[in-house]
Structure formats: structure tokens, C-alpha cells
Amino acid sequence: MFNMGQMMKQVQDMQGKMNLMQAKLGETELTGQAGGDLVVATMNGKGDLKKLKIDAKIVDPSDIEMLEDMIVAAVGDAKAKIDAMIATETEKAMGGLKLPPGMKMPF
């Protein structure tokens, strides 16, 4: 049987965990690579690009397009890692909370 009081307690617990997770995201840094580490992008868990490292041997003024593609790939790799981490942490924070059908997060 559906217990609204119990569900509200679970929601409050989950909100606390989600707030902690949000704070942790700003401090967490993940890196993405392209071209065998020739381009390395570092982003925080909120998706802000914090560092970009480009190996000098791939800088070719006659082929800027390749460098641009590698930067986009490295940033995309870092973003994919962030998305995976967020999904994992969100699942942990949910802690088995079963929402009623049709109810979506956030409220």
C-alpha cells in the first residue's frame, strides 16, 4: 500500500544526498583524451572546462581542422565521463526510492 509519509521522508533524505552530490561535482575533475593523449581536456563535474593541454607536436598551422576536431573529441570524452559519473551518483542518492508512475525528478 502507498505510504505518503514514508515517501516524503525518502524524498527529504534523497534531497540531502543530491545537495551533497551537487557540491561534490564542483570539486571533482575528470579528463578526456584524444589522439593518444595529444589533447587532454579537464572538466569539473558541473561541465566547466578547467584545463586544456595540447601537445606541441600536433600543432600544424596547415591543418588546424585536425587540431580543432581533437579538442572537440577530448572535451566530448570528458563530458561523457562526467555524465556517467552523475548517473552513477544519482542512482546512489536515489537509494531505492520508487516514485509513483508519471512523477519525474526534479519535482
PDB file of N, CA and C in Angstrom:
ATOM      1  N   MET A   1       0.836  -1.179   0.000  1.00  0.00           N
ATOM      2  CA  MET A   1       0.000   0.000   0.000  1.00  0.00           C
ATOM      3  C   MET A   1       0.887   1.252   0.000  1.00  0.00           C
ATOM      4  N   PHE A   2       0.495   2.269  -0.650  1.00  0.00           N
ATOM      5  CA  PHE A   2       1.239   3.514  -0.793  1.00  0.00           C
ATOM      6  C   PHE A   2       1.225   4.289   0.528  1.00  0.00           C
ATOM      7  N   ASN A   3       2.411   4.630   1.044  1.00  0.00           N
ATOM      8  CA  ASN A   3       2.541   5.371   2.289  1.00  0.00           C
ATOM      9  C   ASN A   3       3.175   6.724   1.982  1.00  0.00           C
ATOM     10  N   MET A   4       2.357   7.777   1.968  1.00  0.00           N
ATOM     11  CA  MET A   4       2.826   9.113   1.601  1.00  0.00           C
ATOM     12  C   MET A   4       3.867   9.637   2.584  1.00  0.00           C
ATOM     13  N   GLY A   5       3.697   9.408   3.863  1.00  0.00           N
ATOM     14  CA  GLY A   5       4.651   9.869   4.867  1.00  0.00           C
ATOM     15  C   GLY A   5       6.022   9.261   4.672  1.00  0.00           C
ATOM     16  N   GLN A   6       6.036   7.966   4.399  1.00  0.00           N
ATOM     17  CA  GLN A   6       7.307   7.279   4.178  1.00  0.00           C
ATOM     18  C   GLN A   6       7.974   7.802   2.899  1.00  0.00           C
ATOM     19  N   MET A   7       7.177   8.016   1.874  1.00  0.00           N
ATOM     20  CA  MET A   7       7.741   8.524   0.628  1.00  0.00           C
ATOM     21  C   MET A   7       8.315   9.923   0.828  1.00  0.00           C
ATOM     22  N   MET A   8       7.643  10.779   1.575  1.00  0.00           N
ATOM     23  CA  MET A   8       8.140  12.137   1.810  1.00  0.00           C
ATOM     24  C   MET A   8       9.454  12.109   2.590  1.00  0.00           C
ATOM     25  N   LYS A   9       9.586  11.195   3.543  1.00  0.00           N
ATOM     26  CA  LYS A   9      10.843  11.041   4.290  1.00  0.00           C
ATOM     27  C   LYS A   9      11.955  10.622   3.338  1.00  0.00           C
ATOM     28  N   GLN A  10      11.656   9.685   2.449  1.00  0.00           N
ATOM     29  CA  GLN A  10      12.652   9.244   1.469  1.00  0.00           C
ATOM     30  C   GLN A  10      13.051  10.402   0.552  1.00  0.00           C
ATOM     31  N   VAL A  11      12.085  11.216   0.152  1.00  0.00           N
ATOM     32  CA  VAL A  11      12.368  12.358  -0.717  1.00  0.00           C
ATOM     33  C   VAL A  11      13.272  13.354   0.001  1.00  0.00           C
ATOM     34  N   GLN A  12      13.012  13.629   1.270  1.00  0.00           N
ATOM     35  CA  GLN A  12      13.858  14.545   2.032  1.00  0.00           C
ATOM     36  C   GLN A  12      15.284  14.009   2.148  1.00  0.00           C
ATOM     37  N   ASP A  13      15.415  12.725   2.439  1.00  0.00           N
ATOM     38  CA  ASP A  13      16.745  12.105   2.518  1.00  0.00           C
ATOM     39  C   ASP A  13      17.456  12.218   1.177  1.00  0.00           C
ATOM     40  N   MET A  14      16.725  11.935   0.120  1.00  0.00           N
ATOM     41  CA  MET A  14      17.302  11.987  -1.217  1.00  0.00           C
ATOM     42  C   MET A  14      17.731  13.409  -1.569  1.00  0.00           C
ATOM     43  N   GLN A  15      16.931  14.403  -1.203  1.00  0.00           N
ATOM     44  CA  GLN A  15      17.285  15.793  -1.496  1.00  0.00           C
ATOM     45  C   GLN A  15      18.584  16.176  -0.799  1.00  0.00           C
ATOM     46  N   GLY A  16      18.764  15.730   0.422  1.00  0.00           N
ATOM     47  CA  GLY A  16      20.010  15.985   1.141  1.00  0.00           C
ATOM     48  C   GLY A  16      21.195  15.360   0.424  1.00  0.00           C
ATOM     49  N   LYS A  17      21.014  14.126  -0.027  1.00  0.00           N
ATOM     50  CA  LYS A  17      22.084  13.442  -0.760  1.00  0.00           C
ATOM     51  C   LYS A  17      22.372  14.141  -2.087  1.00  0.00           C
ATOM     52  N   MET A  18      21.332  14.610  -2.756  1.00  0.00           N
ATOM     53  CA  MET A  18      21.515  15.300  -4.033  1.00  0.00           C
ATOM     54  C   MET A  18      22.255  16.623  -3.828  1.00  0.00           C
ATOM     55  N   ASN A  19      21.969  17.325  -2.733  1.00  0.00           N
ATOM     56  CA  ASN A  19      22.677  18.575  -2.437  1.00  0.00           C
ATOM     57  C   ASN A  19      24.155  18.309  -2.197  1.00  0.00           C
ATOM     58  N   LEU A  20      24.458  17.244  -1.459  1.00  0.00           N
ATOM     59  CA  LEU A  20      25.860  16.873  -1.239  1.00  0.00           C
ATOM     60  C   LEU A  20      26.533  16.519  -2.553  1.00  0.00           C
ATOM     61  N   MET A  21      25.820  15.797  -3.405  1.00  0.00           N
ATOM     62  CA  MET A  21      26.371  15.405  -4.694  1.00  0.00           C
ATOM     63  C   MET A  21      26.674  16.641  -5.545  1.00  0.00           C
ATOM     64  N   GLN A  22      25.774  17.622  -5.555  1.00  0.00           N
ATOM     65  CA  GLN A  22      25.986  18.853  -6.322  1.00  0.00           C
ATOM     66  C   GLN A  22      27.248  19.575  -5.859  1.00  0.00           C
ATOM     67  N   ALA A  23      27.469  19.647  -4.554  1.00  0.00           N
ATOM     68  CA  ALA A  23      28.668  20.300  -4.026  1.00  0.00           C
ATOM     69  C   ALA A  23      29.920  19.536  -4.447  1.00  0.00           C
ATOM     70  N   LYS A  24      29.831  18.221  -4.396  1.00  0.00           N
ATOM     71  CA  LYS A  24      30.974  17.377  -4.772  1.00  0.00           C
ATOM     72  C   LYS A  24      31.304  17.522  -6.262  1.00  0.00           C
ATOM     73  N   LEU A  25      30.296  17.728  -7.092  1.00  0.00           N
ATOM     74  CA  LEU A  25      30.524  17.847  -8.532  1.00  0.00           C
ATOM     75  C   LEU A  25      31.435  19.019  -8.882  1.00  0.00           C
ATOM     76  N   GLY A  26      31.294  20.121  -8.156  1.00  0.00           N
ATOM     77  CA  GLY A  26      32.122  21.285  -8.430  1.00  0.00           C
ATOM     78  C   GLY A  26      33.589  21.052  -8.111  1.00  0.00           C
ATOM     79  N   GLU A  27      33.861  20.115  -7.221  1.00  0.00           N
ATOM     80  CA  GLU A  27      35.228  19.819  -6.812  1.00  0.00           C
ATOM     81  C   GLU A  27      35.851  18.676  -7.608  1.00  0.00           C
ATOM     82  N   THR A  28      35.027  17.854  -8.225  1.00  0.00           N
ATOM     83  CA  THR A  28      35.516  16.688  -8.956  1.00  0.00           C
ATOM     84  C   THR A  28      35.998  17.096 -10.336  1.00  0.00           C
ATOM     85  N   GLU A  29      37.158  16.589 -10.730  1.00  0.00           N
ATOM     86  CA  GLU A  29      37.670  16.855 -12.078  1.00  0.00           C
ATOM     87  C   GLU A  29      37.894  15.540 -12.806  1.00  0.00           C
ATOM     88  N   LEU A  30      37.468  15.502 -14.059  1.00  0.00           N
ATOM     89  CA  LEU A  30      37.664  14.335 -14.915  1.00  0.00           C
ATOM     90  C   LEU A  30      38.320  14.791 -16.202  1.00  0.00           C
ATOM     91  N   THR A  31      39.116  13.904 -16.790  1.00  0.00           N
ATOM     92  CA  THR A  31      39.803  14.267 -18.026  1.00  0.00           C
ATOM     93  C   THR A  31      39.320  13.413 -19.178  1.00  0.00           C
ATOM     94  N   GLY A  32      39.360  14.014 -20.344  1.00  0.00           N
ATOM     95  CA  GLY A  32      39.065  13.321 -21.587  1.00  0.00           C
ATOM     96  C   GLY A  32      40.271  13.473 -22.503  1.00  0.00           C
ATOM     97  N   GLN A  33      40.505  12.468 -23.304  1.00  0.00           N
ATOM     98  CA  GLN A  33      41.672  12.496 -24.182  1.00  0.00           C
ATOM     99  C   GLN A  33      41.267  12.267 -25.631  1.00  0.00           C
ATOM    100  N   ALA A  34      42.158  12.714 -26.507  1.00  0.00           N
ATOM    101  CA  ALA A  34      42.012  12.435 -27.939  1.00  0.00           C
ATOM    102  C   ALA A  34      43.410  12.321 -28.538  1.00  0.00           C
ATOM    103  N   GLY A  35      43.531  11.511 -29.557  1.00  0.00           N
ATOM    104  CA  GLY A  35      44.809  11.364 -30.240  1.00  0.00           C
ATOM    105  C   GLY A  35      45.885  10.760 -29.370  1.00  0.00           C
ATOM    106  N   GLY A  36      45.518   9.780 -28.558  1.00  0.00           N
ATOM    107  CA  GLY A  36      46.519   9.146 -27.703  1.00  0.00           C
ATOM    108  C   GLY A  36      47.131  10.115 -26.711  1.00  0.00           C
ATOM    109  N   ASP A  37      46.306  10.885 -26.051  1.00  0.00           N
ATOM    110  CA  ASP A  37      46.717  11.870 -25.042  1.00  0.00           C
ATOM    111  C   ASP A  37      47.434  13.093 -25.622  1.00  0.00           C
ATOM    112  N   LEU A  38      47.335  13.314 -26.925  1.00  0.00           N
ATOM    113  CA  LEU A  38      47.937  14.507 -27.509  1.00  0.00           C
ATOM    114  C   LEU A  38      47.116  15.748 -27.158  1.00  0.00           C
ATOM    115  N   VAL A  39      45.821  15.542 -26.940  1.00  0.00           N
ATOM    116  CA  VAL A  39      44.944  16.615 -26.460  1.00  0.00           C
ATOM    117  C   VAL A  39      44.222  16.060 -25.234  1.00  0.00           C
ATOM    118  N   VAL A  40      44.339  16.797 -24.115  1.00  0.00           N
ATOM    119  CA  VAL A  40      43.706  16.381 -22.866  1.00  0.00           C
ATOM    120  C   VAL A  40      42.866  17.543 -22.343  1.00  0.00           C
ATOM    121  N   ALA A  41      41.580  17.274 -22.135  1.00  0.00           N
ATOM    122  CA  ALA A  41      40.657  18.279 -21.603  1.00  0.00           C
ATOM    123  C   ALA A  41      40.261  17.870 -20.192  1.00  0.00           C
ATOM    124  N   THR A  42      40.319  18.808 -19.263  1.00  0.00           N
ATOM    125  CA  THR A  42      39.919  18.550 -17.881  1.00  0.00           C
ATOM    126  C   THR A  42      38.703  19.418 -17.574  1.00  0.00           C
ATOM    127  N   MET A  43      37.647  18.751 -17.105  1.00  0.00           N
ATOM    128  CA  MET A  43      36.406  19.445 -16.769  1.00  0.00           C
ATOM    129  C   MET A  43      36.024  19.107 -15.339  1.00  0.00           C
ATOM    130  N   ASN A  44      35.302  20.036 -14.693  1.00  0.00           N
ATOM    131  CA  ASN A  44      34.772  19.681 -13.382  1.00  0.00           C
ATOM    132  C   ASN A  44      33.429  18.986 -13.586  1.00  0.00           C
ATOM    133  N   GLY A  45      32.886  18.464 -12.498  1.00  0.00           N
ATOM    134  CA  GLY A  45      31.645  17.709 -12.571  1.00  0.00           C
ATOM    135  C   GLY A  45      30.440  18.508 -13.002  1.00  0.00           C
ATOM    136  N   LYS A  46      30.565  19.832 -13.015  1.00  0.00           N
ATOM    137  CA  LYS A  46      29.468  20.679 -13.479  1.00  0.00           C
ATOM    138  C   LYS A  46      29.580  20.983 -14.966  1.00  0.00           C
ATOM    139  N   GLY A  47      30.631  20.446 -15.606  1.00  0.00           N
ATOM    140  CA  GLY A  47      30.788  20.622 -17.048  1.00  0.00           C
ATOM    141  C   GLY A  47      31.608  21.830 -17.450  1.00  0.00           C
ATOM    142  N   ASP A  48      32.267  22.478 -16.487  1.00  0.00           N
ATOM    143  CA  ASP A  48      33.116  23.623 -16.805  1.00  0.00           C
ATOM    144  C   ASP A  48      34.489  23.128 -17.244  1.00  0.00           C
ATOM    145  N   LEU A  49      34.973  23.627 -18.375  1.00  0.00           N
ATOM    146  CA  LEU A  49      36.303  23.271 -18.857  1.00  0.00           C
ATOM    147  C   LEU A  49      37.320  23.991 -17.982  1.00  0.00           C
ATOM    148  N   LYS A  50      38.180  23.228 -17.301  1.00  0.00           N
ATOM    149  CA  LYS A  50      39.143  23.810 -16.371  1.00  0.00           C
ATOM    150  C   LYS A  50      40.544  23.910 -16.977  1.00  0.00           C
ATOM    151  N   LYS A  51      40.934  22.917 -17.777  1.00  0.00           N
ATOM    152  CA  LYS A  51      42.266  22.911 -18.381  1.00  0.00           C
ATOM    153  C   LYS A  51      42.180  22.272 -19.759  1.00  0.00           C
ATOM    154  N   LEU A  52      43.087  22.701 -20.616  1.00  0.00           N
ATOM    155  CA  LEU A  52      43.209  22.103 -21.939  1.00  0.00           C
ATOM    156  C   LEU A  52      44.690  21.994 -22.240  1.00  0.00           C
ATOM    157  N   LYS A  53      45.166  20.772 -22.455  1.00  0.00           N
ATOM    158  CA  LYS A  53      46.581  20.541 -22.738  1.00  0.00           C
ATOM    159  C   LYS A  53      46.700  20.035 -24.171  1.00  0.00           C
ATOM    160  N   ILE A  54      47.542  20.707 -24.958  1.00  0.00           N
ATOM    161  CA  ILE A  54      47.759  20.320 -26.350  1.00  0.00           C
ATOM    162  C   ILE A  54      49.241  20.073 -26.541  1.00  0.00           C
ATOM    163  N   ASP A  55      49.585  18.865 -26.976  1.00  0.00           N
ATOM    164  CA  ASP A  55      50.984  18.535 -27.250  1.00  0.00           C
ATOM    165  C   ASP A  55      51.445  19.326 -28.476  1.00  0.00           C
ATOM    166  N   ALA A  56      52.567  19.990 -28.345  1.00  0.00           N
ATOM    167  CA  ALA A  56      53.078  20.872 -29.404  1.00  0.00           C
ATOM    168  C   ALA A  56      53.310  20.144 -30.725  1.00  0.00           C
ATOM    169  N   LYS A  57      53.602  18.848 -30.683  1.00  0.00           N
ATOM    170  CA  LYS A  57      53.905  18.146 -31.940  1.00  0.00           C
ATOM    171  C   LYS A  57      52.690  17.981 -32.852  1.00  0.00           C
ATOM    172  N   ILE A  58      51.487  18.235 -32.348  1.00  0.00           N
ATOM    173  CA  ILE A  58      50.329  18.124 -33.245  1.00  0.00           C
ATOM    174  C   ILE A  58      49.867  19.477 -33.772  1.00  0.00           C
ATOM    175  N   VAL A  59      50.532  20.528 -33.357  1.00  0.00           N
ATOM    176  CA  VAL A  59      50.159  21.855 -33.836  1.00  0.00           C
ATOM    177  C   VAL A  59      50.778  22.068 -35.216  1.00  0.00           C
ATOM    178  N   ASP A  60      49.921  21.989 -36.215  1.00  0.00           N
ATOM    179  CA  ASP A  60      50.340  22.152 -37.608  1.00  0.00           C
ATOM    180  C   ASP A  60      49.485  23.258 -38.215  1.00  0.00           C
ATOM    181  N   PRO A  61      50.098  24.431 -38.449  1.00  0.00           N
ATOM    182  CA  PRO A  61      49.312  25.553 -38.984  1.00  0.00           C
ATOM    183  C   PRO A  61      48.578  25.236 -40.285  1.00  0.00           C
ATOM    184  N   SER A  62      49.057  24.254 -41.016  1.00  0.00           N
ATOM    185  CA  SER A  62      48.386  23.917 -42.272  1.00  0.00           C
ATOM    186  C   SER A  62      47.222  22.937 -42.063  1.00  0.00           C
ATOM    187  N   ASP A  63      47.046  22.452 -40.827  1.00  0.00           N
ATOM    188  CA  ASP A  63      45.960  21.507 -40.557  1.00  0.00           C
ATOM    189  C   ASP A  63      45.287  21.842 -39.227  1.00  0.00           C
ATOM    190  N   ILE A  64      44.792  23.050 -39.120  1.00  0.00           N
ATOM    191  CA  ILE A  64      44.105  23.498 -37.908  1.00  0.00           C
ATOM    192  C   ILE A  64      42.833  22.687 -37.672  1.00  0.00           C
ATOM    193  N   GLU A  65      42.184  22.252 -38.731  1.00  0.00           N
ATOM    194  CA  GLU A  65      40.937  21.495 -38.603  1.00  0.00           C
ATOM    195  C   GLU A  65      41.142  20.218 -37.787  1.00  0.00           C
ATOM    196  N   MET A  66      42.264  19.523 -37.983  1.00  0.00           N
ATOM    197  CA  MET A  66      42.522  18.306 -37.216  1.00  0.00           C
ATOM    198  C   MET A  66      42.645  18.640 -35.727  1.00  0.00           C
ATOM    199  N   LEU A  67      43.349  19.718 -35.413  1.00  0.00           N
ATOM    200  CA  LEU A  67      43.506  20.129 -34.020  1.00  0.00           C
ATOM    201  C   LEU A  67      42.150  20.474 -33.414  1.00  0.00           C
ATOM    202  N   GLU A  68      41.334  21.202 -34.145  1.00  0.00           N
ATOM    203  CA  GLU A  68      40.000  21.550 -33.661  1.00  0.00           C
ATOM    204  C   GLU A  68      39.172  20.291 -33.390  1.00  0.00           C
ATOM    205  N   ASP A  69      39.243  19.320 -34.303  1.00  0.00           N
ATOM    206  CA  ASP A  69      38.498  18.068 -34.126  1.00  0.00           C
ATOM    207  C   ASP A  69      38.974  17.315 -32.883  1.00  0.00           C
ATOM    208  N   MET A  70      40.286  17.329 -32.640  1.00  0.00           N
ATOM    209  CA  MET A  70      40.824  16.629 -31.473  1.00  0.00           C
ATOM    210  C   MET A  70      40.403  17.313 -30.173  1.00  0.00           C
ATOM    211  N   ILE A  71      40.330  18.637 -30.190  1.00  0.00           N
ATOM    212  CA  ILE A  71      39.865  19.368 -28.999  1.00  0.00           C
ATOM    213  C   ILE A  71      38.407  19.015 -28.719  1.00  0.00           C
ATOM    214  N   VAL A  72      37.592  19.026 -29.755  1.00  0.00           N
ATOM    215  CA  VAL A  72      36.171  18.676 -29.591  1.00  0.00           C
ATOM    216  C   VAL A  72      36.044  17.238 -29.070  1.00  0.00           C
ATOM    217  N   ALA A  73      36.849  16.320 -29.593  1.00  0.00           N
ATOM    218  CA  ALA A  73      36.795  14.921 -29.154  1.00  0.00           C
ATOM    219  C   ALA A  73      37.208  14.783 -27.689  1.00  0.00           C
ATOM    220  N   ALA A  74      38.269  15.478 -27.281  1.00  0.00           N
ATOM    221  CA  ALA A  74      38.732  15.389 -25.894  1.00  0.00           C
ATOM    222  C   ALA A  74      37.688  15.961 -24.936  1.00  0.00           C
ATOM    223  N   VAL A  75      37.090  17.082 -25.286  1.00  0.00           N
ATOM    224  CA  VAL A  75      36.048  17.679 -24.444  1.00  0.00           C
ATOM    225  C   VAL A  75      34.830  16.756 -24.393  1.00  0.00           C
ATOM    226  N   GLY A  76      34.467  16.177 -25.530  1.00  0.00           N
ATOM    227  CA  GLY A  76      33.346  15.232 -25.563  1.00  0.00           C
ATOM    228  C   GLY A  76      33.606  14.008 -24.700  1.00  0.00           C
ATOM    229  N   ASP A  77      34.848  13.515 -24.701  1.00  0.00           N
ATOM    230  CA  ASP A  77      35.220  12.369 -23.879  1.00  0.00           C
ATOM    231  C   ASP A  77      35.096  12.719 -22.393  1.00  0.00           C
ATOM    232  N   ALA A  78      35.584  13.890 -22.012  1.00  0.00           N
ATOM    233  CA  ALA A  78      35.471  14.316 -20.616  1.00  0.00           C
ATOM    234  C   ALA A  78      34.001  14.461 -20.217  1.00  0.00           C
ATOM    235  N   LYS A  79      33.192  15.036 -21.091  1.00  0.00           N
ATOM    236  CA  LYS A  79      31.761  15.223 -20.801  1.00  0.00           C
ATOM    237  C   LYS A  79      31.042  13.887 -20.645  1.00  0.00           C
ATOM    238  N   ALA A  80      31.405  12.911 -21.477  1.00  0.00           N
ATOM    239  CA  ALA A  80      30.795  11.583 -21.361  1.00  0.00           C
ATOM    240  C   ALA A  80      31.139  10.950 -20.012  1.00  0.00           C
ATOM    241  N   LYS A  81      32.360  11.144 -19.552  1.00  0.00           N
ATOM    242  CA  LYS A  81      32.763  10.601 -18.253  1.00  0.00           C
ATOM    243  C   LYS A  81      32.006  11.295 -17.125  1.00  0.00           C
ATOM    244  N   ILE A  82      31.809  12.590 -17.248  1.00  0.00           N
ATOM    245  CA  ILE A  82      31.042  13.336 -16.244  1.00  0.00           C
ATOM    246  C   ILE A  82      29.602  12.835 -16.206  1.00  0.00           C
ATOM    247  N   ASP A  83      28.994  12.668 -17.379  1.00  0.00           N
ATOM    248  CA  ASP A  83      27.609  12.194 -17.446  1.00  0.00           C
ATOM    249  C   ASP A  83      27.472  10.818 -16.798  1.00  0.00           C
ATOM    250  N   ALA A  84      28.442   9.932 -17.035  1.00  0.00           N
ATOM    251  CA  ALA A  84      28.409   8.592 -16.442  1.00  0.00           C
ATOM    252  C   ALA A  84      28.544   8.675 -14.926  1.00  0.00           C
ATOM    253  N   MET A  85      29.439   9.554 -14.440  1.00  0.00           N
ATOM    254  CA  MET A  85      29.615   9.712 -13.005  1.00  0.00           C
ATOM    255  C   MET A  85      28.342  10.261 -12.364  1.00  0.00           C
ATOM    256  N   ILE A  86      27.730  11.250 -13.001  1.00  0.00           N
ATOM    257  CA  ILE A  86      26.498  11.834 -12.462  1.00  0.00           C
ATOM    258  C   ILE A  86      25.388  10.783 -12.408  1.00  0.00           C
ATOM    259  N   ALA A  87      25.273   9.980 -13.443  1.00  0.00           N
ATOM    260  CA  ALA A  87      24.239   8.935 -13.456  1.00  0.00           C
ATOM    261  C   ALA A  87      24.456   7.943 -12.312  1.00  0.00           C
ATOM    262  N   THR A  88      25.706   7.559 -12.090  1.00  0.00           N
ATOM    263  CA  THR A  88      26.021   6.617 -11.019  1.00  0.00           C
ATOM    264  C   THR A  88      25.725   7.234  -9.652  1.00  0.00           C
ATOM    265  N   GLU A  89      26.169   8.473  -9.448  1.00  0.00           N
ATOM    266  CA  GLU A  89      25.949   9.144  -8.162  1.00  0.00           C
ATOM    267  C   GLU A  89      24.462   9.412  -7.914  1.00  0.00           C
ATOM    268  N   THR A  90      23.729   9.748  -8.950  1.00  0.00           N
ATOM    269  CA  THR A  90      22.290   9.986  -8.800  1.00  0.00           C
ATOM    270  C   THR A  90      21.578   8.698  -8.404  1.00  0.00           C
ATOM    271  N   GLU A  91      21.980   7.603  -9.025  1.00  0.00           N
ATOM    272  CA  GLU A  91      21.383   6.314  -8.684  1.00  0.00           C
ATOM    273  C   GLU A  91      21.653   5.972  -7.215  1.00  0.00           C
ATOM    274  N   LYS A  92      22.861   6.242  -6.743  1.00  0.00           N
ATOM    275  CA  LYS A  92      23.189   6.003  -5.333  1.00  0.00           C
ATOM    276  C   LYS A  92      22.334   6.890  -4.433  1.00  0.00           C
ATOM    277  N   ALA A  93      22.193   8.168  -4.809  1.00  0.00           N
ATOM    278  CA  ALA A  93      21.426   9.112  -3.990  1.00  0.00           C
ATOM    279  C   ALA A  93      19.955   8.729  -3.922  1.00  0.00           C
ATOM    280  N   MET A  94      19.440   8.166  -4.996  1.00  0.00           N
ATOM    281  CA  MET A  94      18.032   7.764  -5.018  1.00  0.00           C
ATOM    282  C   MET A  94      17.779   6.648  -4.016  1.00  0.00           C
ATOM    283  N   GLY A  95      18.775   5.819  -3.762  1.00  0.00           N
ATOM    284  CA  GLY A  95      18.688   4.806  -2.714  1.00  0.00           C
ATOM    285  C   GLY A  95      17.458   3.938  -2.741  1.00  0.00           C
ATOM    286  N   GLY A  96      17.008   3.535  -3.892  1.00  0.00           N
ATOM    287  CA  GLY A  96      15.870   2.633  -3.979  1.00  0.00           C
ATOM    288  C   GLY A  96      14.515   3.316  -3.904  1.00  0.00           C
ATOM    289  N   LEU A  97      14.515   4.638  -3.911  1.00  0.00           N
ATOM    290  CA  LEU A  97      13.237   5.365  -3.870  1.00  0.00           C
ATOM    291  C   LEU A  97      12.443   5.050  -5.130  1.00  0.00           C
ATOM    292  N   LYS A  98      11.246   4.630  -4.944  1.00  0.00           N
ATOM    293  CA  LYS A  98      10.357   4.331  -6.063  1.00  0.00           C
ATOM    294  C   LYS A  98       9.333   5.445  -6.172  1.00  0.00           C
ATOM    295  N   LEU A  99       9.415   6.206  -7.233  1.00  0.00           N
ATOM    296  CA  LEU A  99       8.466   7.291  -7.444  1.00  0.00           C
ATOM    297  C   LEU A  99       7.179   6.750  -8.051  1.00  0.00           C
ATOM    298  N   PRO A 100       6.054   7.374  -7.720  1.00  0.00           N
ATOM    299  CA  PRO A 100       4.799   6.952  -8.333  1.00  0.00           C
ATOM    300  C   PRO A 100       4.864   7.140  -9.848  1.00  0.00           C
ATOM    301  N   PRO A 101       4.141   6.338 -10.602  1.00  0.00           N
ATOM    302  CA  PRO A 101       4.158   6.456 -12.063  1.00  0.00           C
ATOM    303  C   PRO A 101       3.834   7.880 -12.518  1.00  0.00           C
ATOM    304  N   GLY A 102       4.606   8.367 -13.477  1.00  0.00           N
ATOM    305  CA  GLY A 102       4.380   9.683 -14.014  1.00  0.00           C
ATOM    306  C   GLY A 102       5.107  10.805 -13.285  1.00  0.00           C
ATOM    307  N   MET A 103       5.617  10.535 -12.085  1.00  0.00           N
ATOM    308  CA  MET A 103       6.340  11.557 -11.330  1.00  0.00           C
ATOM    309  C   MET A 103       7.797  11.527 -11.746  1.00  0.00           C
ATOM    310  N   LYS A 104       8.332  12.689 -12.099  1.00  0.00           N
ATOM    311  CA  LYS A 104       9.691  12.762 -12.585  1.00  0.00           C
ATOM    312  C   LYS A 104      10.534  13.646 -11.692  1.00  0.00           C
ATOM    313  N   MET A 105      11.839  13.435 -11.728  1.00  0.00           N
ATOM    314  CA  MET A 105      12.779  14.277 -10.991  1.00  0.00           C
ATOM    315  C   MET A 105      13.263  15.370 -11.930  1.00  0.00           C
ATOM    316  N   PRO A 106      13.604  16.569 -11.480  1.00  0.00           N
ATOM    317  CA  PRO A 106      13.300  17.071 -10.144  1.00  0.00           C
ATOM    318  C   PRO A 106      11.828  17.459 -10.055  1.00  0.00           C
ATOM    319  N   PHE A 107      11.364  17.633  -8.839  1.00  0.00           N
ATOM    320  CA  PHE A 107       9.939  17.894  -8.609  1.00  0.00           C
ATOM    321  C   PHE A 107       9.547  19.236  -9.108  1.00  0.00           C
TER     322      PHE A 107
END
